[in-house]
C-alpha atoms as a PDB file:
ATOM      1  CA  MET A   1     -11.562 -16.722  13.903  1.00  0.00           C
ATOM      2  CA  ASN A   2     -11.086 -20.206  15.389  1.00  0.00           C
ATOM      3  CA  ASN A   3     -13.911 -21.516  13.206  1.00  0.00           C
ATOM      4  CA  TYR A   4     -12.279 -20.015  10.152  1.00  0.00           C
ATOM      5  CA  ILE A   5      -8.934 -21.628  11.028  1.00  0.00           C
ATOM      6  CA  GLU A   6     -10.700 -24.970  11.373  1.00  0.00           C
ATOM      7  CA  ILE A   7     -12.177 -24.501   7.896  1.00  0.00           C
ATOM      8  CA  LEU A   8      -8.716 -23.693   6.512  1.00  0.00           C
ATOM      9  CA  ARG A   9      -7.297 -26.799   8.196  1.00  0.00           C
ATOM     10  CA  GLY A  10      -9.816 -28.841   6.239  1.00  0.00           C
ATOM     11  CA  CYS A  11      -8.511 -27.460   2.937  1.00  0.00           C
ATOM     12  CA  SER A  12      -5.495 -28.700   1.040  1.00  0.00           C
ATOM     13  CA  THR A  13      -5.739 -26.176  -1.800  1.00  0.00           C
ATOM     14  CA  VAL A  14      -6.420 -22.448  -1.644  1.00  0.00           C
ATOM     15  CA  ILE A  15      -6.979 -20.410  -4.814  1.00  0.00           C
ATOM     16  CA  MET A  16      -6.701 -16.645  -4.418  1.00  0.00           C
ATOM     17  CA  THR A  17      -7.704 -14.725  -7.525  1.00  0.00           C
ATOM     18  CA  TYR A  18      -7.714 -11.212  -6.091  1.00  0.00           C
ATOM     19  CA  LEU A  19      -5.159  -8.634  -7.215  1.00  0.00           C
ATOM     20  CA  SER A  20      -4.926  -6.457  -4.112  1.00  0.00           C
ATOM     21  CA  GLN A  21      -3.504  -7.294  -0.706  1.00  0.00           C
ATOM     22  CA  GLN A  22      -6.913  -8.169   0.731  1.00  0.00           C
ATOM     23  CA  ALA A  23      -7.010 -11.315   2.860  1.00  0.00           C
ATOM     24  CA  ALA A  24      -3.221 -11.297   3.297  1.00  0.00           C
ATOM     25  CA  ASP A  25      -3.658 -12.837   6.745  1.00  0.00           C
ATOM     26  CA  LYS A  26      -5.643 -15.713   5.268  1.00  0.00           C
ATOM     27  CA  LEU A  27      -2.999 -16.199   2.587  1.00  0.00           C
ATOM     28  CA  LEU A  28      -0.228 -16.413   5.189  1.00  0.00           C
ATOM     29  CA  MET A  29      -2.335 -18.666   7.421  1.00  0.00           C
ATOM     30  CA  SER A  30      -2.963 -21.020   4.498  1.00  0.00           C
ATOM     31  CA  LEU A  31       0.750 -21.158   3.713  1.00  0.00           C
ATOM     32  CA  PHE A  32       1.577 -21.817   7.370  1.00  0.00           C
ATOM     33  CA  LEU A  33      -1.019 -24.603   7.598  1.00  0.00           C
ATOM     34  CA  GLY A  34       0.601 -26.356   4.635  1.00  0.00           C
ATOM     35  CA  ASP A  35      -2.026 -25.720   1.993  1.00  0.00           C
ATOM     36  CA  ARG A  36      -1.092 -25.629  -1.669  1.00  0.00           C
ATOM     37  CA  VAL A  37      -1.744 -21.963  -2.487  1.00  0.00           C
ATOM     38  CA  TYR A  38      -2.358 -20.514  -5.939  1.00  0.00           C
ATOM     39  CA  LEU A  39      -1.888 -16.796  -6.327  1.00  0.00           C
ATOM     40  CA  ASP A  40      -2.355 -14.476  -9.284  1.00  0.00           C
ATOM     41  CA  PRO A  41       1.044 -13.089 -10.387  1.00  0.00           C
ATOM     42  CA  LYS A  42      -0.604  -9.660 -10.722  1.00  0.00           C
ATOM     43  CA  ASN A  43      -1.350  -9.686  -6.982  1.00  0.00           C
ATOM     44  CA  SER A  44       0.449  -6.906  -5.137  1.00  0.00           C
ATOM     45  CA  VAL A  45       2.153  -9.347  -2.716  1.00  0.00           C
ATOM     46  CA  TYR A  46       3.097 -12.019  -5.259  1.00  0.00           C
ATOM     47  CA  GLU A  47       6.676 -10.838  -5.893  1.00  0.00           C
ATOM     48  CA  GLU A  48       7.305  -9.964  -2.243  1.00  0.00           C
ATOM     49  CA  HIS A  49       6.323 -13.457  -1.093  1.00  0.00           C
ATOM     50  CA  ARG A  50       8.180 -15.098  -3.971  1.00  0.00           C
ATOM     51  CA  ASN A  51      11.328 -13.111  -3.069  1.00  0.00           C
ATOM     52  CA  GLN A  52      10.985 -14.207   0.567  1.00  0.00           C
ATOM     53  CA  GLY A  53      11.174 -17.783  -0.660  1.00  0.00           C
ATOM     54  CA  LEU A  54       7.626 -18.775   0.223  1.00  0.00           C
ATOM     55  CA  VAL A  55       6.413 -21.777  -1.751  1.00  0.00           C
ATOM     56  CA  PHE A  56       3.186 -21.227  -3.684  1.00  0.00           C
ATOM     57  CA  ARG A  57       1.983 -21.644  -7.253  1.00  0.00           C
ATOM     58  CA  ASN A  58       1.042 -19.292 -10.023  1.00  0.00           C
ATOM     59  CA  ILE A  59      -2.714 -19.432 -10.594  1.00  0.00           C
ATOM     60  CA  ASN A  60      -2.031 -19.843 -14.328  1.00  0.00           C
ATOM     61  CA  ASP A  61      -0.488 -23.248 -13.584  1.00  0.00           C
ATOM     62  CA  LEU A  62      -4.015 -24.556 -13.100  1.00  0.00           C
ATOM     63  CA  VAL A  63      -4.756 -23.998 -16.780  1.00  0.00           C
ATOM     64  CA  THR A  64      -1.884 -26.186 -17.942  1.00  0.00           C
ATOM     65  CA  ASP A  65      -1.711 -28.703 -15.095  1.00  0.00           C
ATOM     66  CA  GLN A  66      -5.144 -29.343 -13.559  1.00  0.00           C
ATOM     67  CA  PRO A  67      -4.046 -32.492 -11.668  1.00  0.00           C
ATOM     68  CA  LEU A  68      -2.157 -30.107  -9.365  1.00  0.00           C
ATOM     69  CA  LEU A  69      -5.480 -29.490  -7.631  1.00  0.00           C
ATOM     70  CA  SER A  70      -5.493 -32.987  -6.221  1.00  0.00           C
ATOM     71  CA  SER A  71      -1.888 -32.993  -5.035  1.00  0.00           C
ATOM     72  CA  LEU A  72      -0.709 -31.961  -1.587  1.00  0.00           C
ATOM     73  CA  LEU A  73       2.158 -29.625  -0.868  1.00  0.00           C
ATOM     74  CA  ASP A  74       5.288 -31.657  -0.142  1.00  0.00           C
ATOM     75  CA  THR A  75       6.607 -31.785   3.431  1.00  0.00           C
ATOM     76  CA  GLU A  76       9.791 -29.845   2.642  1.00  0.00           C
ATOM     77  CA  SER A  77       7.794 -26.957   1.148  1.00  0.00           C
ATOM     78  CA  VAL A  78       5.519 -26.888   4.191  1.00  0.00           C
ATOM     79  CA  LYS A  79       8.594 -26.670   6.458  1.00  0.00           C
ATOM     80  CA  THR A  80      10.097 -23.939   4.284  1.00  0.00           C
ATOM     81  CA  ASN A  81       6.933 -21.838   4.455  1.00  0.00           C
ATOM     82  CA  ARG A  82       6.609 -22.273   8.213  1.00  0.00           C
ATOM     83  CA  ASN A  83      10.249 -21.371   8.846  1.00  0.00           C
ATOM     84  CA  ILE A  84      10.048 -18.250   6.683  1.00  0.00           C
ATOM     85  CA  LEU A  85       6.781 -17.127   8.246  1.00  0.00           C
ATOM     86  CA  GLN A  86       7.994 -17.731  11.788  1.00  0.00           C
ATOM     87  CA  SER A  87      11.193 -15.777  11.191  1.00  0.00           C
ATOM     88  CA  SER A  88       9.533 -12.884   9.360  1.00  0.00           C
ATOM     89  CA  LYS A  89       6.086 -12.687  10.970  1.00  0.00           C
ATOM     90  CA  GLY A  90       6.477 -14.559  14.252  1.00  0.00           C
ATOM     91  CA  ARG A  91       6.606 -13.233  17.802  1.00  0.00           C
ATOM     92  CA  ALA A  92      10.421 -13.115  17.962  1.00  0.00           C
ATOM     93  CA  SER A  93      10.561 -11.019  14.795  1.00  0.00           C
ATOM     94  CA  HIS A  94       8.006  -8.566  16.144  1.00  0.00           C
ATOM     95  CA  GLN A  95       9.760  -8.417  19.503  1.00  0.00           C
ATOM     96  CA  GLN A  96      13.077  -7.570  17.824  1.00  0.00           C
ATOM     97  CA  ILE A  97      11.470  -4.848  15.713  1.00  0.00           C
ATOM     98  CA  THR A  98       9.770  -3.410  18.813  1.00  0.00           C
ATOM     99  CA  GLU A  99      13.031  -3.413  20.792  1.00  0.00           C
ATOM    100  CA  GLU A 100      14.838  -1.651  17.941  1.00  0.00           C
ATOM    101  CA  LEU A 101      12.063   0.950  17.736  1.00  0.00           C
ATOM    102  CA  ILE A 102      12.169   1.579  21.490  1.00  0.00           C
ATOM    103  CA  SER A 103      15.973   1.953  21.388  1.00  0.00           C
ATOM    104  CA  ALA A 104      15.695   4.460  18.529  1.00  0.00           C
ATOM    105  CA  LEU A 105      13.036   6.452  20.404  1.00  0.00           C
ATOM    106  CA  ILE A 106      15.141   6.541  23.579  1.00  0.00           C
ATOM    107  CA  LYS A 107      18.125   7.768  21.558  1.00  0.00           C
ATOM    108  CA  ILE A 108      16.028  10.518  19.961  1.00  0.00           C
ATOM    109  CA  LYS A 109      14.615  11.535  23.344  1.00  0.00           C
ATOM    110  CA  LYS A 110      18.118  11.745  24.867  1.00  0.00           C
ATOM    111  CA  GLN A 111      19.341  13.814  21.924  1.00  0.00           C
ATOM    112  CA  LYS A 112      16.402  16.209  22.268  1.00  0.00           C
ATOM    113  CA  ALA A 113      17.079  16.539  26.006  1.00  0.00           C
ATOM    114  CA  LEU A 114      20.726  17.368  25.323  1.00  0.00           C
ATOM    115  CA  ASN A 115      19.756  19.877  22.632  1.00  0.00           C
ATOM    116  CA  SER A 116      17.242  21.595  24.908  1.00  0.00           C
ATOM    117  CA  GLU A 117      19.953  22.027  27.561  1.00  0.00           C
ATOM    118  CA  GLY A 118      22.123  23.804  25.036  1.00  0.00           C
ATOM    119  CA  VAL A 119      24.619  20.968  24.753  1.00  0.00           C
ATOM    120  CA  TYR A 120      25.427  20.122  21.151  1.00  0.00           C
END
């Protein structure tokens, strides 16, 4: 995986033509690394990522504006993508979700214990 990340770091543009969610981790990694990403609007994650505020381009933009391929993603867009990904996919986000899940399971377990004792 480290070799693959090094390859991605050497890229400034990533074009993803697939329509399913395959390679979602590579898509997110490319966005986090600051690559200019082009995604097909028919892709199953296109709208979800667009609604999250992630900055990427429609693959059809390449037809009308080919010089885009040689331009880098601006610094503000890179920061935006990193902030969104860290808050939604980062360790703190996963820790919060895990803590909420554990709390819900403990509550369910306590309720079942009370119900089995005949206390309602």
